[in-house]
Structure formats: structure tokens, C-alpha cells
């Protein structure tokens, strides 16, 4: 399984950005379209609408997104990371919202209404505890 394929099996990941205060990491839901990762600001409660992830990406578009799987059987552990350059798109960006609605039933009922983050992935990396197959 490739890093991208492994990543695509995850339902939640963590978005890492950098700002004047240093690194900032938040859990996200996402959808992939080739080597573009989409995440949208949705209706889930947030402390503020001025999100640090958006401010950070406007100042420095470099981003990393990490997905992982934990299992009591440590031979089944893995992680996959997508590194790339982010673009902030207008709310309702059709290709992104369609992908997110396909992936998450909650978005079929209530599509995200906030800005969309599109990350053009230029590097996929991963690790797995499973022994490589011959």
C-alpha cells in the first residue's frame, strides 16, 4: 500500500501549520482528489471564527497533514503524512464540497459553509510496523 493509499483509509488527520507563535496542530476531516487534499471550515463549534490555521496558511502556505492508525497489536501500527502547499479557496468550492460530501454523511445533511483549504501535496511519506512483504 502506498503512503497516499494508506492516508486515504484514515477518517481523521491532523493539520500542522506554522505561525508567529510557532507550530499549530488541529484535527481535521478531509477528502482527497488525486494529490490535492481538501478540508473545509464547517459548522462544528469553534472558539472563534478567526481561525489560526487560516491566518497561518495566509502567511506561510506550507502545511503537513498526518494520519495514523493505532491498534493494540503494535504490528498493525502505521502513519502517513502529506506535505504540501496550501491555498485558501472560497466557501462552497464545488469540487471540494462534493468530495467531502461523498466521504462524510454529516456533510450530505449540512455541507461546510466556511473557507476551503486545498493542499497541493508534493510529498507523501509513511511508516508501518508491519514487516515488508517479500
C-alpha atoms as a PDB file:
ATOM      1  CA  UNK A   1       0.000   0.000   0.000  1.00  0.00           C
ATOM      2  CA  UNK A   2       1.362   3.425  -0.912  1.00  0.00           C
ATOM      3  CA  UNK A   3       1.517   6.324   1.526  1.00  0.00           C
ATOM      4  CA  UNK A   4      -1.337   8.029  -0.311  1.00  0.00           C
ATOM      5  CA  UNK A   5      -3.486   4.877  -0.250  1.00  0.00           C
ATOM      6  CA  UNK A   6      -2.789   4.384   3.447  1.00  0.00           C
ATOM      7  CA  UNK A   7      -3.626   8.037   4.113  1.00  0.00           C
ATOM      8  CA  UNK A   8      -6.924   7.713   2.217  1.00  0.00           C
ATOM      9  CA  UNK A   9      -8.111   4.999   4.625  1.00  0.00           C
ATOM     10  CA  UNK A  10      -7.998   7.392   7.595  1.00  0.00           C
ATOM     11  CA  UNK A  11     -11.120   9.323   8.576  1.00  0.00           C
ATOM     12  CA  UNK A  12      -9.406  11.960  10.750  1.00  0.00           C
ATOM     13  CA  UNK A  13      -5.989  13.583  10.416  1.00  0.00           C
ATOM     14  CA  UNK A  14      -4.029  16.429  11.986  1.00  0.00           C
ATOM     15  CA  UNK A  15      -3.220  19.621  10.084  1.00  0.00           C
ATOM     16  CA  UNK A  16       0.057  21.302  11.040  1.00  0.00           C
ATOM     17  CA  UNK A  17       0.749  24.932  10.153  1.00  0.00           C
ATOM     18  CA  UNK A  18       3.317  27.441  11.349  1.00  0.00           C
ATOM     19  CA  UNK A  19       2.662  30.944  12.562  1.00  0.00           C
ATOM     20  CA  UNK A  20       4.352  33.711  14.530  1.00  0.00           C
ATOM     21  CA  UNK A  21       3.703  31.787  17.765  1.00  0.00           C
ATOM     22  CA  UNK A  22       5.218  28.571  16.369  1.00  0.00           C
ATOM     23  CA  UNK A  23       3.580  25.318  15.243  1.00  0.00           C
ATOM     24  CA  UNK A  24      -0.182  24.908  15.356  1.00  0.00           C
ATOM     25  CA  UNK A  25      -1.866  21.496  15.012  1.00  0.00           C
ATOM     26  CA  UNK A  26      -5.590  20.758  14.753  1.00  0.00           C
ATOM     27  CA  UNK A  27      -7.596  17.604  13.992  1.00  0.00           C
ATOM     28  CA  UNK A  28      -9.442  17.720  10.676  1.00  0.00           C
ATOM     29  CA  UNK A  29     -11.633  15.688   8.382  1.00  0.00           C
ATOM     30  CA  UNK A  30     -10.561  15.697   4.766  1.00  0.00           C
ATOM     31  CA  UNK A  31     -11.037  14.329   1.282  1.00  0.00           C
ATOM     32  CA  UNK A  32      -8.504  13.576  -1.426  1.00  0.00           C
ATOM     33  CA  UNK A  33      -8.690  14.281  -5.140  1.00  0.00           C
ATOM     34  CA  UNK A  34      -5.500  12.897  -6.614  1.00  0.00           C
ATOM     35  CA  UNK A  35      -2.686  14.804  -4.939  1.00  0.00           C
ATOM     36  CA  UNK A  36      -4.959  17.550  -3.612  1.00  0.00           C
ATOM     37  CA  UNK A  37      -6.213  17.324  -0.051  1.00  0.00           C
ATOM     38  CA  UNK A  38      -9.369  19.281   0.820  1.00  0.00           C
ATOM     39  CA  UNK A  39     -10.509  20.443   4.242  1.00  0.00           C
ATOM     40  CA  UNK A  40     -13.338  22.907   4.865  1.00  0.00           C
ATOM     41  CA  UNK A  41     -14.243  25.015   7.854  1.00  0.00           C
ATOM     42  CA  UNK A  42     -17.586  23.627   8.961  1.00  0.00           C
ATOM     43  CA  UNK A  43     -20.318  24.249  11.499  1.00  0.00           C
ATOM     44  CA  UNK A  44     -18.750  22.335  14.396  1.00  0.00           C
ATOM     45  CA  UNK A  45     -18.264  24.657  17.406  1.00  0.00           C
ATOM     46  CA  UNK A  46     -15.049  26.667  17.470  1.00  0.00           C
ATOM     47  CA  UNK A  47     -13.851  29.266  19.947  1.00  0.00           C
ATOM     48  CA  UNK A  48     -13.647  31.910  17.217  1.00  0.00           C
ATOM     49  CA  UNK A  49     -14.302  32.346  13.508  1.00  0.00           C
ATOM     50  CA  UNK A  50     -10.824  33.887  13.094  1.00  0.00           C
ATOM     51  CA  UNK A  51      -9.098  30.531  12.812  1.00  0.00           C
ATOM     52  CA  UNK A  52      -5.373  30.377  13.405  1.00  0.00           C
ATOM     53  CA  UNK A  53      -4.944  27.704  10.713  1.00  0.00           C
ATOM     54  CA  UNK A  54      -6.253  30.146   8.081  1.00  0.00           C
ATOM     55  CA  UNK A  55      -4.108  33.039   9.301  1.00  0.00           C
ATOM     56  CA  UNK A  56      -1.041  30.805   9.405  1.00  0.00           C
ATOM     57  CA  UNK A  57      -1.615  29.500   5.871  1.00  0.00           C
ATOM     58  CA  UNK A  58      -2.124  33.003   4.501  1.00  0.00           C
ATOM     59  CA  UNK A  59       1.269  33.984   5.933  1.00  0.00           C
ATOM     60  CA  UNK A  60       3.074  30.710   5.169  1.00  0.00           C
ATOM     61  CA  UNK A  61       1.292  28.241   2.871  1.00  0.00           C
ATOM     62  CA  UNK A  62       3.442  25.258   3.831  1.00  0.00           C
ATOM     63  CA  UNK A  63       1.374  22.560   5.528  1.00  0.00           C
ATOM     64  CA  UNK A  64       1.659  18.985   6.731  1.00  0.00           C
ATOM     65  CA  UNK A  65      -1.208  16.617   7.407  1.00  0.00           C
ATOM     66  CA  UNK A  66      -0.650  13.463   9.451  1.00  0.00           C
ATOM     67  CA  UNK A  67      -2.980  10.471   9.597  1.00  0.00           C
ATOM     68  CA  UNK A  68      -2.350   7.393  11.703  1.00  0.00           C
ATOM     69  CA  UNK A  69      -3.850   4.169  12.988  1.00  0.00           C
ATOM     70  CA  UNK A  70      -3.448   2.716  16.432  1.00  0.00           C
ATOM     71  CA  UNK A  71      -4.081  -0.913  17.299  1.00  0.00           C
ATOM     72  CA  UNK A  72      -3.459  -2.982  20.426  1.00  0.00           C
ATOM     73  CA  UNK A  73      -1.474  -5.228  18.083  1.00  0.00           C
ATOM     74  CA  UNK A  74       1.526  -2.995  17.518  1.00  0.00           C
ATOM     75  CA  UNK A  75       2.393  -4.887  14.346  1.00  0.00           C
ATOM     76  CA  UNK A  76      -0.598  -3.069  12.781  1.00  0.00           C
ATOM     77  CA  UNK A  77       0.511   0.499  13.611  1.00  0.00           C
ATOM     78  CA  UNK A  78       1.045   2.967  10.761  1.00  0.00           C
ATOM     79  CA  UNK A  79       1.184   6.647   9.915  1.00  0.00           C
ATOM     80  CA  UNK A  80       1.117   8.576   6.648  1.00  0.00           C
ATOM     81  CA  UNK A  81       1.943  12.219   6.022  1.00  0.00           C
ATOM     82  CA  UNK A  82       1.088  14.646   3.222  1.00  0.00           C
ATOM     83  CA  UNK A  83       3.363  17.685   2.876  1.00  0.00           C
ATOM     84  CA  UNK A  84       2.460  20.462   0.504  1.00  0.00           C
ATOM     85  CA  UNK A  85       1.418  23.996  -0.276  1.00  0.00           C
ATOM     86  CA  UNK A  86      -1.992  25.260   0.786  1.00  0.00           C
ATOM     87  CA  UNK A  87      -4.421  27.532  -0.991  1.00  0.00           C
ATOM     88  CA  UNK A  88      -7.447  29.045   0.704  1.00  0.00           C
ATOM     89  CA  UNK A  89     -10.481  28.780  -1.552  1.00  0.00           C
ATOM     90  CA  UNK A  90     -13.861  30.451  -1.306  1.00  0.00           C
ATOM     91  CA  UNK A  91     -16.633  28.807   0.722  1.00  0.00           C
ATOM     92  CA  UNK A  92     -18.689  26.338  -1.316  1.00  0.00           C
ATOM     93  CA  UNK A  93     -15.860  25.359  -3.679  1.00  0.00           C
ATOM     94  CA  UNK A  94     -17.778  22.728  -5.640  1.00  0.00           C
ATOM     95  CA  UNK A  95     -15.111  20.032  -6.249  1.00  0.00           C
ATOM     96  CA  UNK A  96     -14.013  20.132  -2.598  1.00  0.00           C
ATOM     97  CA  UNK A  97     -17.514  20.087  -1.157  1.00  0.00           C
ATOM     98  CA  UNK A  98     -18.542  17.222  -3.467  1.00  0.00           C
ATOM     99  CA  UNK A  99     -15.571  15.127  -2.305  1.00  0.00           C
ATOM    100  CA  UNK A 100     -16.243  15.907   1.354  1.00  0.00           C
ATOM    101  CA  UNK A 101     -19.949  15.054   0.986  1.00  0.00           C
ATOM    102  CA  UNK A 102     -19.063  11.721  -0.648  1.00  0.00           C
ATOM    103  CA  UNK A 103     -16.784  10.858   2.266  1.00  0.00           C
ATOM    104  CA  UNK A 104     -18.765  12.104   5.281  1.00  0.00           C
ATOM    105  CA  UNK A 105     -22.548  11.538   5.654  1.00  0.00           C
ATOM    106  CA  UNK A 106     -22.729  14.504   8.057  1.00  0.00           C
ATOM    107  CA  UNK A 107     -21.761  16.809   5.191  1.00  0.00           C
ATOM    108  CA  UNK A 108     -24.533  15.428   2.978  1.00  0.00           C
ATOM    109  CA  UNK A 109     -27.024  16.760   5.508  1.00  0.00           C
ATOM    110  CA  UNK A 110     -25.149  20.007   6.175  1.00  0.00           C
ATOM    111  CA  UNK A 111     -22.314  20.912   3.779  1.00  0.00           C
ATOM    112  CA  UNK A 112     -19.459  23.031   5.138  1.00  0.00           C
ATOM    113  CA  UNK A 113     -20.108  26.727   4.694  1.00  0.00           C
ATOM    114  CA  UNK A 114     -16.682  28.142   5.553  1.00  0.00           C
ATOM    115  CA  UNK A 115     -13.491  28.596   3.564  1.00  0.00           C
ATOM    116  CA  UNK A 116     -11.922  25.563   1.922  1.00  0.00           C
ATOM    117  CA  UNK A 117      -8.268  24.675   2.345  1.00  0.00           C
ATOM    118  CA  UNK A 118      -6.744  22.900  -0.660  1.00  0.00           C
ATOM    119  CA  UNK A 119      -3.304  21.431  -0.095  1.00  0.00           C
ATOM    120  CA  UNK A 120      -1.329  20.539  -3.204  1.00  0.00           C
ATOM    121  CA  UNK A 121       0.643  17.579  -1.894  1.00  0.00           C
ATOM    122  CA  UNK A 122       4.217  17.427  -3.167  1.00  0.00           C
ATOM    123  CA  UNK A 123       5.453  14.703  -0.810  1.00  0.00           C
ATOM    124  CA  UNK A 124       3.785  11.596   0.600  1.00  0.00           C
ATOM    125  CA  UNK A 125       5.595   9.625   3.301  1.00  0.00           C
ATOM    126  CA  UNK A 126       4.599   6.816   5.599  1.00  0.00           C
ATOM    127  CA  UNK A 127       5.708   4.179   8.063  1.00  0.00           C
ATOM    128  CA  UNK A 128       4.235   0.881   9.104  1.00  0.00           C
ATOM    129  CA  UNK A 129       5.191  -1.565  11.816  1.00  0.00           C
ATOM    130  CA  UNK A 130       4.246  -4.472   9.575  1.00  0.00           C
ATOM    131  CA  UNK A 131       7.176  -6.329   8.127  1.00  0.00           C
ATOM    132  CA  UNK A 132       7.700  -5.624   4.425  1.00  0.00           C
ATOM    133  CA  UNK A 133       6.397  -8.344   2.134  1.00  0.00           C
ATOM    134  CA  UNK A 134       8.979 -10.198   0.061  1.00  0.00           C
END
